[in-house]
Each structure stands twice: as structure tokens, then as C-alpha cells.
Amino acid sequence: MYIYLIENTMKITPVVRIAVLKDIDEELEDMQYWLSKPPHERAAAVTRLISKSLQPGERMDKSHVVKRKLHP
């Protein structure tokens, strides 16, 4: 017996924006994007990024934690 798994594929719509490079503030846009997401999505994204950077079996070093307020 064979079991086939079919993955759902997302269609990614390309976004084109024409602007002068010196007028684009990517840092502000990134901050606005992440602040528009609910806290559980932001925490999940951070967890996913951290887990990708760790070796198998390695744990995150939590001895240096920096807290700061996020302002748009």
C-alpha cells in the first residue's frame, strides 16, 4: 500500500513598488509590519528563526536577555 501526501502550495503574488531608494525606510516598514501582527504570531516567528540557527540538541543561551520597548 502506498500513501501519497499532497502538499498545499501557496501562490505568491509579486509586489512591485517604484520608489527612490533614499526615500525608502525599510526599518520603519519592517517595524510597522511586525507591530500589525498579533503577539502570538510575532513570538512564533522569533521562535522559528532561533530554532533554525541552533544545532540539533542545542538550546538558546538565555543568560543575556535585553528588554526594550518597541516604538513604531
PDB file of N, CA and C in Angstrom:
ATOM      1  N   MET A   1       0.847  -1.159   0.000  1.00  0.00           N
ATOM      2  CA  MET A   1       0.000   0.000   0.000  1.00  0.00           C
ATOM      3  C   MET A   1       0.906   1.239   0.000  1.00  0.00           C
ATOM      4  N   TYR A   2       0.565   2.203  -0.839  1.00  0.00           N
ATOM      5  CA  TYR A   2       1.325   3.435  -0.929  1.00  0.00           C
ATOM      6  C   TYR A   2       0.453   4.589  -0.445  1.00  0.00           C
ATOM      7  N   ILE A   3       1.057   5.462   0.331  1.00  0.00           N
ATOM      8  CA  ILE A   3       0.354   6.654   0.797  1.00  0.00           C
ATOM      9  C   ILE A   3       1.070   7.861   0.206  1.00  0.00           C
ATOM     10  N   TYR A   4       0.319   8.668  -0.494  1.00  0.00           N
ATOM     11  CA  TYR A   4       0.880   9.857  -1.110  1.00  0.00           C
ATOM     12  C   TYR A   4       0.408  11.088  -0.343  1.00  0.00           C
ATOM     13  N   LEU A   5       1.332  11.927   0.009  1.00  0.00           N
ATOM     14  CA  LEU A   5       0.995  13.178   0.669  1.00  0.00           C
ATOM     15  C   LEU A   5       1.050  14.302  -0.350  1.00  0.00           C
ATOM     16  N   ILE A   6       0.001  15.061  -0.412  1.00  0.00           N
ATOM     17  CA  ILE A   6      -0.049  16.181  -1.342  1.00  0.00           C
ATOM     18  C   ILE A   6       0.055  17.456  -0.512  1.00  0.00           C
ATOM     19  N   GLU A   7       1.067  18.236  -0.817  1.00  0.00           N
ATOM     20  CA  GLU A   7       1.278  19.480  -0.093  1.00  0.00           C
ATOM     21  C   GLU A   7       0.444  20.587  -0.717  1.00  0.00           C
ATOM     22  N   ASN A   8      -0.118  21.425   0.140  1.00  0.00           N
ATOM     23  CA  ASN A   8      -0.814  22.603  -0.350  1.00  0.00           C
ATOM     24  C   ASN A   8       0.229  23.622  -0.770  1.00  0.00           C
ATOM     25  N   THR A   9       0.081  24.150  -1.948  1.00  0.00           N
ATOM     26  CA  THR A   9       1.040  25.143  -2.412  1.00  0.00           C
ATOM     27  C   THR A   9       0.402  26.516  -2.340  1.00  0.00           C
ATOM     28  N   MET A  10       1.167  27.447  -1.805  1.00  0.00           N
ATOM     29  CA  MET A  10       0.696  28.822  -1.739  1.00  0.00           C
ATOM     30  C   MET A  10       1.102  29.528  -3.012  1.00  0.00           C
ATOM     31  N   LYS A  11       0.237  30.366  -3.479  1.00  0.00           N
ATOM     32  CA  LYS A  11       0.585  31.199  -4.621  1.00  0.00           C
ATOM     33  C   LYS A  11       1.081  32.527  -4.076  1.00  0.00           C
ATOM     34  N   ILE A  12       2.272  32.884  -4.476  1.00  0.00           N
ATOM     35  CA  ILE A  12       2.863  34.135  -4.017  1.00  0.00           C
ATOM     36  C   ILE A  12       2.662  35.177  -5.110  1.00  0.00           C
ATOM     37  N   THR A  13       2.017  36.251  -4.737  1.00  0.00           N
ATOM     38  CA  THR A  13       1.765  37.329  -5.677  1.00  0.00           C
ATOM     39  C   THR A  13       2.926  38.313  -5.612  1.00  0.00           C
ATOM     40  N   PRO A  14       3.577  38.563  -6.737  1.00  0.00           N
ATOM     41  CA  PRO A  14       4.682  39.526  -6.714  1.00  0.00           C
ATOM     42  C   PRO A  14       4.167  40.947  -6.464  1.00  0.00           C
ATOM     43  N   VAL A  15       4.934  41.689  -5.702  1.00  0.00           N
ATOM     44  CA  VAL A  15       4.585  43.077  -5.399  1.00  0.00           C
ATOM     45  C   VAL A  15       5.677  43.966  -5.972  1.00  0.00           C
ATOM     46  N   VAL A  16       5.270  44.923  -6.766  1.00  0.00           N
ATOM     47  CA  VAL A  16       6.227  45.842  -7.375  1.00  0.00           C
ATOM     48  C   VAL A  16       5.933  47.234  -6.846  1.00  0.00           C
ATOM     49  N   ARG A  17       6.990  47.885  -6.370  1.00  0.00           N
ATOM     50  CA  ARG A  17       6.846  49.244  -5.883  1.00  0.00           C
ATOM     51  C   ARG A  17       7.982  50.068  -6.465  1.00  0.00           C
ATOM     52  N   ILE A  18       7.635  51.156  -7.087  1.00  0.00           N
ATOM     53  CA  ILE A  18       8.648  52.030  -7.673  1.00  0.00           C
ATOM     54  C   ILE A  18       8.840  53.216  -6.733  1.00  0.00           C
ATOM     55  N   ALA A  19      10.083  53.392  -6.278  1.00  0.00           N
ATOM     56  CA  ALA A  19      10.393  54.481  -5.358  1.00  0.00           C
ATOM     57  C   ALA A  19      11.877  54.802  -5.454  1.00  0.00           C
ATOM     58  N   VAL A  20      12.219  55.974  -5.005  1.00  0.00           N
ATOM     59  CA  VAL A  20      13.613  56.374  -4.929  1.00  0.00           C
ATOM     60  C   VAL A  20      14.233  55.675  -3.722  1.00  0.00           C
ATOM     61  N   LEU A  21      15.378  55.018  -3.908  1.00  0.00           N
ATOM     62  CA  LEU A  21      15.976  54.219  -2.843  1.00  0.00           C
ATOM     63  C   LEU A  21      16.244  55.013  -1.568  1.00  0.00           C
ATOM     64  N   LYS A  22      16.659  56.261  -1.705  1.00  0.00           N
ATOM     65  CA  LYS A  22      16.969  57.036  -0.496  1.00  0.00           C
ATOM     66  C   LYS A  22      15.715  57.413   0.288  1.00  0.00           C
ATOM     67  N   ASP A  23      14.526  57.286  -0.330  1.00  0.00           N
ATOM     68  CA  ASP A  23      13.280  57.619   0.353  1.00  0.00           C
ATOM     69  C   ASP A  23      12.646  56.422   1.054  1.00  0.00           C
ATOM     70  N   ILE A  24      13.185  55.236   0.860  1.00  0.00           N
ATOM     71  CA  ILE A  24      12.612  54.034   1.454  1.00  0.00           C
ATOM     72  C   ILE A  24      13.237  53.808   2.829  1.00  0.00           C
ATOM     73  N   ASP A  25      12.384  53.653   3.830  1.00  0.00           N
ATOM     74  CA  ASP A  25      12.846  53.357   5.187  1.00  0.00           C
ATOM     75  C   ASP A  25      12.393  51.937   5.523  1.00  0.00           C
ATOM     76  N   GLU A  26      13.216  50.962   5.152  1.00  0.00           N
ATOM     77  CA  GLU A  26      12.847  49.561   5.352  1.00  0.00           C
ATOM     78  C   GLU A  26      12.706  49.212   6.826  1.00  0.00           C
ATOM     79  N   GLU A  27      13.518  49.818   7.658  1.00  0.00           N
ATOM     80  CA  GLU A  27      13.456  49.526   9.084  1.00  0.00           C
ATOM     81  C   GLU A  27      12.088  49.922   9.647  1.00  0.00           C
ATOM     82  N   LEU A  28      11.597  51.087   9.269  1.00  0.00           N
ATOM     83  CA  LEU A  28      10.284  51.533   9.725  1.00  0.00           C
ATOM     84  C   LEU A  28       9.180  50.639   9.170  1.00  0.00           C
ATOM     85  N   GLU A  29       9.288  50.277   7.885  1.00  0.00           N
ATOM     86  CA  GLU A  29       8.287  49.405   7.274  1.00  0.00           C
ATOM     87  C   GLU A  29       8.270  48.030   7.939  1.00  0.00           C
ATOM     88  N   ASP A  30       9.445  47.491   8.246  1.00  0.00           N
ATOM     89  CA  ASP A  30       9.522  46.204   8.931  1.00  0.00           C
ATOM     90  C   ASP A  30       8.866  46.292  10.311  1.00  0.00           C
ATOM     91  N   MET A  31       9.161  47.364  11.032  1.00  0.00           N
ATOM     92  CA  MET A  31       8.594  47.549  12.365  1.00  0.00           C
ATOM     93  C   MET A  31       7.071  47.656  12.283  1.00  0.00           C
ATOM     94  N   GLN A  32       6.564  48.423  11.323  1.00  0.00           N
ATOM     95  CA  GLN A  32       5.114  48.567  11.171  1.00  0.00           C
ATOM     96  C   GLN A  32       4.470  47.234  10.808  1.00  0.00           C
ATOM     97  N   TYR A  33       5.135  46.447   9.965  1.00  0.00           N
ATOM     98  CA  TYR A  33       4.606  45.143   9.585  1.00  0.00           C
ATOM     99  C   TYR A  33       4.478  44.234  10.805  1.00  0.00           C
ATOM    100  N   TRP A  34       5.552  44.123  11.587  1.00  0.00           N
ATOM    101  CA  TRP A  34       5.525  43.210  12.723  1.00  0.00           C
ATOM    102  C   TRP A  34       4.609  43.701  13.824  1.00  0.00           C
ATOM    103  N   LEU A  35       4.469  45.000  13.999  1.00  0.00           N
ATOM    104  CA  LEU A  35       3.542  45.519  15.005  1.00  0.00           C
ATOM    105  C   LEU A  35       2.092  45.325  14.585  1.00  0.00           C
ATOM    106  N   SER A  36       1.852  45.118  13.289  1.00  0.00           N
ATOM    107  CA  SER A  36       0.489  44.863  12.822  1.00  0.00           C
ATOM    108  C   SER A  36       0.074  43.408  13.074  1.00  0.00           C
ATOM    109  N   LYS A  37       1.028  42.547  13.376  1.00  0.00           N
ATOM    110  CA  LYS A  37       0.753  41.127  13.641  1.00  0.00           C
ATOM    111  C   LYS A  37       0.441  40.926  15.122  1.00  0.00           C
ATOM    112  N   PRO A  38      -0.411  39.955  15.439  1.00  0.00           N
ATOM    113  CA  PRO A  38      -0.691  39.684  16.850  1.00  0.00           C
ATOM    114  C   PRO A  38       0.542  39.123  17.560  1.00  0.00           C
ATOM    115  N   PRO A  39       0.621  39.315  18.866  1.00  0.00           N
ATOM    116  CA  PRO A  39       1.810  38.874  19.622  1.00  0.00           C
ATOM    117  C   PRO A  39       2.153  37.399  19.432  1.00  0.00           C
ATOM    118  N   HIS A  40       1.159  36.522  19.345  1.00  0.00           N
ATOM    119  CA  HIS A  40       1.475  35.096  19.207  1.00  0.00           C
ATOM    120  C   HIS A  40       2.140  34.797  17.863  1.00  0.00           C
ATOM    121  N   GLU A  41       1.807  35.544  16.807  1.00  0.00           N
ATOM    122  CA  GLU A  41       2.476  35.352  15.515  1.00  0.00           C
ATOM    123  C   GLU A  41       3.911  35.860  15.566  1.00  0.00           C
ATOM    124  N   ARG A  42       4.120  36.979  16.257  1.00  0.00           N
ATOM    125  CA  ARG A  42       5.481  37.516  16.376  1.00  0.00           C
ATOM    126  C   ARG A  42       6.355  36.561  17.175  1.00  0.00           C
ATOM    127  N   ALA A  43       5.809  36.024  18.269  1.00  0.00           N
ATOM    128  CA  ALA A  43       6.576  35.074  19.092  1.00  0.00           C
ATOM    129  C   ALA A  43       6.889  33.810  18.299  1.00  0.00           C
ATOM    130  N   ALA A  44       5.935  33.336  17.504  1.00  0.00           N
ATOM    131  CA  ALA A  44       6.160  32.138  16.684  1.00  0.00           C
ATOM    132  C   ALA A  44       7.252  32.389  15.655  1.00  0.00           C
ATOM    133  N   ALA A  45       7.279  33.585  15.067  1.00  0.00           N
ATOM    134  CA  ALA A  45       8.302  33.914  14.077  1.00  0.00           C
ATOM    135  C   ALA A  45       9.692  33.954  14.712  1.00  0.00           C
ATOM    136  N   VAL A  46       9.783  34.540  15.897  1.00  0.00           N
ATOM    137  CA  VAL A  46      11.069  34.603  16.607  1.00  0.00           C
ATOM    138  C   VAL A  46      11.535  33.199  16.971  1.00  0.00           C
ATOM    139  N   THR A  47      10.622  32.383  17.465  1.00  0.00           N
ATOM    140  CA  THR A  47      10.964  31.006  17.823  1.00  0.00           C
ATOM    141  C   THR A  47      11.451  30.229  16.611  1.00  0.00           C
ATOM    142  N   ARG A  48      10.783  30.408  15.472  1.00  0.00           N
ATOM    143  CA  ARG A  48      11.175  29.722  14.239  1.00  0.00           C
ATOM    144  C   ARG A  48      12.571  30.154  13.788  1.00  0.00           C
ATOM    145  N   LEU A  49      12.854  31.451  13.853  1.00  0.00           N
ATOM    146  CA  LEU A  49      14.173  31.942  13.449  1.00  0.00           C
ATOM    147  C   LEU A  49      15.272  31.419  14.368  1.00  0.00           C
ATOM    148  N   ILE A  50      15.011  31.422  15.662  1.00  0.00           N
ATOM    149  CA  ILE A  50      16.009  30.937  16.614  1.00  0.00           C
ATOM    150  C   ILE A  50      16.260  29.448  16.407  1.00  0.00           C
ATOM    151  N   SER A  51      15.191  28.682  16.211  1.00  0.00           N
ATOM    152  CA  SER A  51      15.365  27.233  16.055  1.00  0.00           C
ATOM    153  C   SER A  51      16.128  26.887  14.784  1.00  0.00           C
ATOM    154  N   LYS A  52      16.027  27.725  13.758  1.00  0.00           N
ATOM    155  CA  LYS A  52      16.782  27.485  12.523  1.00  0.00           C
ATOM    156  C   LYS A  52      18.275  27.729  12.721  1.00  0.00           C
ATOM    157  N   SER A  53      18.619  28.620  13.649  1.00  0.00           N
ATOM    158  CA  SER A  53      20.027  28.969  13.837  1.00  0.00           C
ATOM    159  C   SER A  53      20.748  28.026  14.806  1.00  0.00           C
ATOM    160  N   LEU A  54      20.009  27.207  15.544  1.00  0.00           N
ATOM    161  CA  LEU A  54      20.616  26.313  16.521  1.00  0.00           C
ATOM    162  C   LEU A  54      20.944  24.958  15.905  1.00  0.00           C
ATOM    163  N   GLN A  55      21.973  24.343  16.438  1.00  0.00           N
ATOM    164  CA  GLN A  55      22.326  22.985  16.031  1.00  0.00           C
ATOM    165  C   GLN A  55      21.373  22.000  16.707  1.00  0.00           C
ATOM    166  N   PRO A  56      21.203  20.798  16.149  1.00  0.00           N
ATOM    167  CA  PRO A  56      20.330  19.810  16.787  1.00  0.00           C
ATOM    168  C   PRO A  56      20.765  19.531  18.226  1.00  0.00           C
ATOM    169  N   GLY A  57      19.824  19.610  19.142  1.00  0.00           N
ATOM    170  CA  GLY A  57      20.114  19.381  20.559  1.00  0.00           C
ATOM    171  C   GLY A  57      20.609  20.611  21.304  1.00  0.00           C
ATOM    172  N   GLU A  58      20.959  21.669  20.597  1.00  0.00           N
ATOM    173  CA  GLU A  58      21.453  22.899  21.224  1.00  0.00           C
ATOM    174  C   GLU A  58      20.275  23.720  21.727  1.00  0.00           C
ATOM    175  N   ARG A  59      20.482  24.405  22.844  1.00  0.00           N
ATOM    176  CA  ARG A  59      19.440  25.254  23.404  1.00  0.00           C
ATOM    177  C   ARG A  59      19.877  26.703  23.352  1.00  0.00           C
ATOM    178  N   MET A  60      18.913  27.595  23.339  1.00  0.00           N
ATOM    179  CA  MET A  60      19.202  29.019  23.282  1.00  0.00           C
ATOM    180  C   MET A  60      19.821  29.486  24.599  1.00  0.00           C
ATOM    181  N   ASP A  61      20.883  30.305  24.506  1.00  0.00           N
ATOM    182  CA  ASP A  61      21.516  30.885  25.684  1.00  0.00           C
ATOM    183  C   ASP A  61      20.658  32.055  26.152  1.00  0.00           C
ATOM    184  N   LYS A  62      20.059  31.916  27.321  1.00  0.00           N
ATOM    185  CA  LYS A  62      19.164  32.949  27.840  1.00  0.00           C
ATOM    186  C   LYS A  62      19.818  33.781  28.934  1.00  0.00           C
ATOM    187  N   SER A  63      21.139  33.703  29.043  1.00  0.00           N
ATOM    188  CA  SER A  63      21.822  34.433  30.107  1.00  0.00           C
ATOM    189  C   SER A  63      21.892  35.930  29.821  1.00  0.00           C
ATOM    190  N   HIS A  64      21.786  36.328  28.567  1.00  0.00           N
ATOM    191  CA  HIS A  64      21.833  37.746  28.197  1.00  0.00           C
ATOM    192  C   HIS A  64      20.520  38.105  27.516  1.00  0.00           C
ATOM    193  N   VAL A  65      19.589  38.591  28.301  1.00  0.00           N
ATOM    194  CA  VAL A  65      18.285  38.963  27.762  1.00  0.00           C
ATOM    195  C   VAL A  65      18.191  40.479  27.813  1.00  0.00           C
ATOM    196  N   VAL A  66      17.834  41.080  26.694  1.00  0.00           N
ATOM    197  CA  VAL A  66      17.698  42.528  26.616  1.00  0.00           C
ATOM    198  C   VAL A  66      16.228  42.839  26.383  1.00  0.00           C
ATOM    199  N   LYS A  67      15.669  43.658  27.268  1.00  0.00           N
ATOM    200  CA  LYS A  67      14.285  44.078  27.108  1.00  0.00           C
ATOM    201  C   LYS A  67      14.285  45.508  26.614  1.00  0.00           C
ATOM    202  N   ARG A  68      13.440  45.758  25.615  1.00  0.00           N
ATOM    203  CA  ARG A  68      13.299  47.125  25.135  1.00  0.00           C
ATOM    204  C   ARG A  68      11.894  47.315  24.622  1.00  0.00           C
ATOM    205  N   LYS A  69      11.440  48.547  24.650  1.00  0.00           N
ATOM    206  CA  LYS A  69      10.104  48.853  24.157  1.00  0.00           C
ATOM    207  C   LYS A  69      10.177  49.067  22.648  1.00  0.00           C
ATOM    208  N   LEU A  70       9.162  48.591  21.963  1.00  0.00           N
ATOM    209  CA  LEU A  70       9.088  48.764  20.514  1.00  0.00           C
ATOM    210  C   LEU A  70       8.230  49.992  20.217  1.00  0.00           C
ATOM    211  N   HIS A  71       8.780  50.910  19.496  1.00  0.00           N
ATOM    212  CA  HIS A  71       8.044  52.104  19.094  1.00  0.00           C
ATOM    213  C   HIS A  71       8.022  52.153  17.578  1.00  0.00           C
ATOM    214  N   PRO A  72       6.840  52.423  16.998  1.00  0.00           N
ATOM    215  CA  PRO A  72       6.778  52.497  15.518  1.00  0.00           C
ATOM    216  C   PRO A  72       7.518  53.684  14.967  1.00  0.00           C
TER     217      PRO A  72
END
